[in-house]
Amino acid sequence: MKDLSDMRIHGLPVEIGEAVWGELSIWESFAKWTIDKQIVGSVDGIAAQMIVR
């Protein structure tokens, strides 16, 4: 069973992704897709490191 801090860590990528998507929504499709993909990868990596510690 996950504790509260684990659930918070899993929620961080979603929160960051939603904030970034809101900012990128006015960009052209290619730029939006490229930047969004990079950010999702970065945020997932950060969350994975937080879970390991």
PDB file of N, CA and C in Angstrom:
ATOM      1  N   MET A   1       0.839  -1.184   0.000  1.00  0.00           N
ATOM      2  CA  MET A   1       0.000   0.000   0.000  1.00  0.00           C
ATOM      3  C   MET A   1       0.886   1.249   0.000  1.00  0.00           C
ATOM      4  N   LYS A   2       0.514   2.202  -0.796  1.00  0.00           N
ATOM      5  CA  LYS A   2       1.301   3.434  -0.896  1.00  0.00           C
ATOM      6  C   LYS A   2       0.936   4.379   0.248  1.00  0.00           C
ATOM      7  N   ASP A   3       1.935   5.095   0.723  1.00  0.00           N
ATOM      8  CA  ASP A   3       1.621   6.105   1.720  1.00  0.00           C
ATOM      9  C   ASP A   3       1.368   7.439   1.019  1.00  0.00           C
ATOM     10  N   LEU A   4       1.009   8.429   1.792  1.00  0.00           N
ATOM     11  CA  LEU A   4       0.622   9.723   1.230  1.00  0.00           C
ATOM     12  C   LEU A   4       1.740  10.367   0.423  1.00  0.00           C
ATOM     13  N   SER A   5       2.986  10.251   0.880  1.00  0.00           N
ATOM     14  CA  SER A   5       4.096  10.875   0.151  1.00  0.00           C
ATOM     15  C   SER A   5       4.307  10.207  -1.205  1.00  0.00           C
ATOM     16  N   ASP A   6       4.108   8.883  -1.294  1.00  0.00           N
ATOM     17  CA  ASP A   6       4.219   8.197  -2.585  1.00  0.00           C
ATOM     18  C   ASP A   6       3.152   8.685  -3.554  1.00  0.00           C
ATOM     19  N   MET A   7       1.937   8.846  -3.060  1.00  0.00           N
ATOM     20  CA  MET A   7       0.856   9.319  -3.930  1.00  0.00           C
ATOM     21  C   MET A   7       1.142  10.738  -4.408  1.00  0.00           C
ATOM     22  N   ARG A   8       1.713  11.552  -3.550  1.00  0.00           N
ATOM     23  CA  ARG A   8       2.058  12.934  -3.916  1.00  0.00           C
ATOM     24  C   ARG A   8       3.112  12.933  -5.015  1.00  0.00           C
ATOM     25  N   ILE A   9       4.098  12.064  -4.904  1.00  0.00           N
ATOM     26  CA  ILE A   9       5.149  11.985  -5.917  1.00  0.00           C
ATOM     27  C   ILE A   9       4.561  11.576  -7.258  1.00  0.00           C
ATOM     28  N   HIS A  10       3.637  10.638  -7.257  1.00  0.00           N
ATOM     29  CA  HIS A  10       3.017  10.204  -8.506  1.00  0.00           C
ATOM     30  C   HIS A  10       2.160  11.314  -9.113  1.00  0.00           C
ATOM     31  N   GLY A  11       1.619  12.194  -8.277  1.00  0.00           N
ATOM     32  CA  GLY A  11       0.785  13.284  -8.769  1.00  0.00           C
ATOM     33  C   GLY A  11       1.578  14.448  -9.333  1.00  0.00           C
ATOM     34  N   LEU A  12       2.844  14.586  -8.950  1.00  0.00           N
ATOM     35  CA  LEU A  12       3.652  15.717  -9.410  1.00  0.00           C
ATOM     36  C   LEU A  12       3.795  15.780 -10.929  1.00  0.00           C
ATOM     37  N   PRO A  13       4.120  14.671 -11.610  1.00  0.00           N
ATOM     38  CA  PRO A  13       4.227  14.760 -13.065  1.00  0.00           C
ATOM     39  C   PRO A  13       2.933  15.223 -13.724  1.00  0.00           C
ATOM     40  N   VAL A  14       1.815  14.799 -13.184  1.00  0.00           N
ATOM     41  CA  VAL A  14       0.526  15.206 -13.741  1.00  0.00           C
ATOM     42  C   VAL A  14       0.326  16.706 -13.558  1.00  0.00           C
ATOM     43  N   GLU A  15       0.595  17.204 -12.367  1.00  0.00           N
ATOM     44  CA  GLU A  15       0.431  18.632 -12.099  1.00  0.00           C
ATOM     45  C   GLU A  15       1.336  19.476 -12.987  1.00  0.00           C
ATOM     46  N   ILE A  16       2.590  19.082 -13.089  1.00  0.00           N
ATOM     47  CA  ILE A  16       3.537  19.841 -13.910  1.00  0.00           C
ATOM     48  C   ILE A  16       3.135  19.764 -15.374  1.00  0.00           C
ATOM     49  N   GLY A  17       2.748  18.585 -15.828  1.00  0.00           N
ATOM     50  CA  GLY A  17       2.316  18.423 -17.214  1.00  0.00           C
ATOM     51  C   GLY A  17       1.118  19.285 -17.550  1.00  0.00           C
ATOM     52  N   GLU A  18       0.151  19.360 -16.640  1.00  0.00           N
ATOM     53  CA  GLU A  18      -1.027  20.191 -16.873  1.00  0.00           C
ATOM     54  C   GLU A  18      -0.652  21.667 -16.944  1.00  0.00           C
ATOM     55  N   ALA A  19       0.242  22.105 -16.071  1.00  0.00           N
ATOM     56  CA  ALA A  19       0.672  23.504 -16.081  1.00  0.00           C
ATOM     57  C   ALA A  19       1.406  23.843 -17.372  1.00  0.00           C
ATOM     58  N   VAL A  20       2.286  22.949 -17.788  1.00  0.00           N
ATOM     59  CA  VAL A  20       3.045  23.179 -19.020  1.00  0.00           C
ATOM     60  C   VAL A  20       2.116  23.161 -20.224  1.00  0.00           C
ATOM     61  N   TRP A  21       1.191  22.214 -20.266  1.00  0.00           N
ATOM     62  CA  TRP A  21       0.273  22.124 -21.404  1.00  0.00           C
ATOM     63  C   TRP A  21      -0.553  23.403 -21.525  1.00  0.00           C
ATOM     64  N   GLY A  22      -0.950  23.976 -20.397  1.00  0.00           N
ATOM     65  CA  GLY A  22      -1.690  25.232 -20.428  1.00  0.00           C
ATOM     66  C   GLY A  22      -0.880  26.351 -21.062  1.00  0.00           C
ATOM     67  N   GLU A  23       0.405  26.385 -20.770  1.00  0.00           N
ATOM     68  CA  GLU A  23       1.278  27.402 -21.358  1.00  0.00           C
ATOM     69  C   GLU A  23       1.537  27.143 -22.839  1.00  0.00           C
ATOM     70  N   LEU A  24       1.667  25.875 -23.215  1.00  0.00           N
ATOM     71  CA  LEU A  24       2.012  25.533 -24.594  1.00  0.00           C
ATOM     72  C   LEU A  24       0.812  25.471 -25.523  1.00  0.00           C
ATOM     73  N   SER A  25      -0.385  25.562 -24.995  1.00  0.00           N
ATOM     74  CA  SER A  25      -1.579  25.363 -25.812  1.00  0.00           C
ATOM     75  C   SER A  25      -1.708  26.374 -26.950  1.00  0.00           C
ATOM     76  N   ILE A  26      -1.054  27.509 -26.842  1.00  0.00           N
ATOM     77  CA  ILE A  26      -1.146  28.508 -27.910  1.00  0.00           C
ATOM     78  C   ILE A  26      -0.029  28.362 -28.945  1.00  0.00           C
ATOM     79  N   TRP A  27       0.906  27.451 -28.705  1.00  0.00           N
ATOM     80  CA  TRP A  27       2.020  27.253 -29.629  1.00  0.00           C
ATOM     81  C   TRP A  27       1.581  26.446 -30.842  1.00  0.00           C
ATOM     82  N   GLU A  28       2.394  26.496 -31.880  1.00  0.00           N
ATOM     83  CA  GLU A  28       2.169  25.661 -33.059  1.00  0.00           C
ATOM     84  C   GLU A  28       2.290  24.192 -32.674  1.00  0.00           C
ATOM     85  N   SER A  29       1.620  23.328 -33.411  1.00  0.00           N
ATOM     86  CA  SER A  29       1.552  21.898 -33.062  1.00  0.00           C
ATOM     87  C   SER A  29       2.916  21.245 -32.905  1.00  0.00           C
ATOM     88  N   PHE A  30       3.827  21.457 -33.860  1.00  0.00           N
ATOM     89  CA  PHE A  30       5.122  20.774 -33.796  1.00  0.00           C
ATOM     90  C   PHE A  30       5.909  21.210 -32.570  1.00  0.00           C
ATOM     91  N   ALA A  31       5.965  22.511 -32.326  1.00  0.00           N
ATOM     92  CA  ALA A  31       6.706  23.021 -31.166  1.00  0.00           C
ATOM     93  C   ALA A  31       6.088  22.502 -29.873  1.00  0.00           C
ATOM     94  N   LYS A  32       4.770  22.518 -29.812  1.00  0.00           N
ATOM     95  CA  LYS A  32       4.069  22.054 -28.623  1.00  0.00           C
ATOM     96  C   LYS A  32       4.375  20.578 -28.364  1.00  0.00           C
ATOM     97  N   TRP A  33       4.314  19.758 -29.395  1.00  0.00           N
ATOM     98  CA  TRP A  33       4.558  18.323 -29.262  1.00  0.00           C
ATOM     99  C   TRP A  33       6.003  18.057 -28.840  1.00  0.00           C
ATOM    100  N   THR A  34       6.944  18.762 -29.456  1.00  0.00           N
ATOM    101  CA  THR A  34       8.364  18.549 -29.163  1.00  0.00           C
ATOM    102  C   THR A  34       8.701  18.928 -27.724  1.00  0.00           C
ATOM    103  N   ILE A  35       8.299  20.099 -27.312  1.00  0.00           N
ATOM    104  CA  ILE A  35       8.594  20.569 -25.958  1.00  0.00           C
ATOM    105  C   ILE A  35       7.867  19.714 -24.924  1.00  0.00           C
ATOM    106  N   ASP A  36       6.611  19.403 -25.188  1.00  0.00           N
ATOM    107  CA  ASP A  36       5.832  18.606 -24.247  1.00  0.00           C
ATOM    108  C   ASP A  36       6.469  17.238 -24.032  1.00  0.00           C
ATOM    109  N   LYS A  37       6.941  16.625 -25.098  1.00  0.00           N
ATOM    110  CA  LYS A  37       7.574  15.306 -24.989  1.00  0.00           C
ATOM    111  C   LYS A  37       8.834  15.386 -24.124  1.00  0.00           C
ATOM    112  N   GLN A  38       9.623  16.429 -24.291  1.00  0.00           N
ATOM    113  CA  GLN A  38      10.842  16.590 -23.496  1.00  0.00           C
ATOM    114  C   GLN A  38      10.518  16.811 -22.021  1.00  0.00           C
ATOM    115  N   ILE A  39       9.518  17.621 -21.762  1.00  0.00           N
ATOM    116  CA  ILE A  39       9.154  17.924 -20.379  1.00  0.00           C
ATOM    117  C   ILE A  39       8.583  16.693 -19.684  1.00  0.00           C
ATOM    118  N   VAL A  40       7.742  15.945 -20.383  1.00  0.00           N
ATOM    119  CA  VAL A  40       7.182  14.730 -19.792  1.00  0.00           C
ATOM    120  C   VAL A  40       8.299  13.762 -19.420  1.00  0.00           C
ATOM    121  N   GLY A  41       9.274  13.592 -20.297  1.00  0.00           N
ATOM    122  CA  GLY A  41      10.401  12.711 -19.992  1.00  0.00           C
ATOM    123  C   GLY A  41      11.190  13.191 -18.790  1.00  0.00           C
ATOM    124  N   SER A  42      11.416  14.489 -18.710  1.00  0.00           N
ATOM    125  CA  SER A  42      12.168  15.056 -17.584  1.00  0.00           C
ATOM    126  C   SER A  42      11.423  14.892 -16.269  1.00  0.00           C
ATOM    127  N   VAL A  43      10.152  15.211 -16.286  1.00  0.00           N
ATOM    128  CA  VAL A  43       9.352  15.125 -15.067  1.00  0.00           C
ATOM    129  C   VAL A  43       9.223  13.676 -14.602  1.00  0.00           C
ATOM    130  N   ASP A  44       9.042  12.761 -15.532  1.00  0.00           N
ATOM    131  CA  ASP A  44       8.981  11.344 -15.162  1.00  0.00           C
ATOM    132  C   ASP A  44      10.290  10.896 -14.519  1.00  0.00           C
ATOM    133  N   GLY A  45      11.415  11.382 -15.049  1.00  0.00           N
ATOM    134  CA  GLY A  45      12.716  11.046 -14.471  1.00  0.00           C
ATOM    135  C   GLY A  45      12.871  11.590 -13.062  1.00  0.00           C
ATOM    136  N   ILE A  46      12.415  12.806 -12.846  1.00  0.00           N
ATOM    137  CA  ILE A  46      12.481  13.410 -11.512  1.00  0.00           C
ATOM    138  C   ILE A  46      11.617  12.624 -10.534  1.00  0.00           C
ATOM    139  N   ALA A  47      10.409  12.291 -10.949  1.00  0.00           N
ATOM    140  CA  ALA A  47       9.516  11.527 -10.071  1.00  0.00           C
ATOM    141  C   ALA A  47      10.114  10.166  -9.740  1.00  0.00           C
ATOM    142  N   ALA A  48      10.729   9.524 -10.720  1.00  0.00           N
ATOM    143  CA  ALA A  48      11.345   8.216 -10.480  1.00  0.00           C
ATOM    144  C   ALA A  48      12.468   8.329  -9.455  1.00  0.00           C
ATOM    145  N   GLN A  49      13.260   9.390  -9.535  1.00  0.00           N
ATOM    146  CA  GLN A  49      14.339   9.592  -8.566  1.00  0.00           C
ATOM    147  C   GLN A  49      13.788   9.856  -7.165  1.00  0.00           C
ATOM    148  N   MET A  50      12.676  10.570  -7.086  1.00  0.00           N
ATOM    149  CA  MET A  50      12.073  10.853  -5.785  1.00  0.00           C
ATOM    150  C   MET A  50      11.538   9.576  -5.146  1.00  0.00           C
ATOM    151  N   ILE A  51      11.010   8.672  -5.955  1.00  0.00           N
ATOM    152  CA  ILE A  51      10.468   7.418  -5.436  1.00  0.00           C
ATOM    153  C   ILE A  51      11.592   6.536  -4.914  1.00  0.00           C
ATOM    154  N   VAL A  52      12.723   6.534  -5.614  1.00  0.00           N
ATOM    155  CA  VAL A  52      13.854   5.692  -5.227  1.00  0.00           C
ATOM    156  C   VAL A  52      14.409   6.122  -3.875  1.00  0.00           C
ATOM    157  N   ARG A  53      14.423   7.407  -3.624  1.00  0.00           N
ATOM    158  CA  ARG A  53      15.006   7.914  -2.368  1.00  0.00           C
ATOM    159  C   ARG A  53      14.077   7.684  -1.281  1.00  0.00           C
TER     160      ARG A  53
END
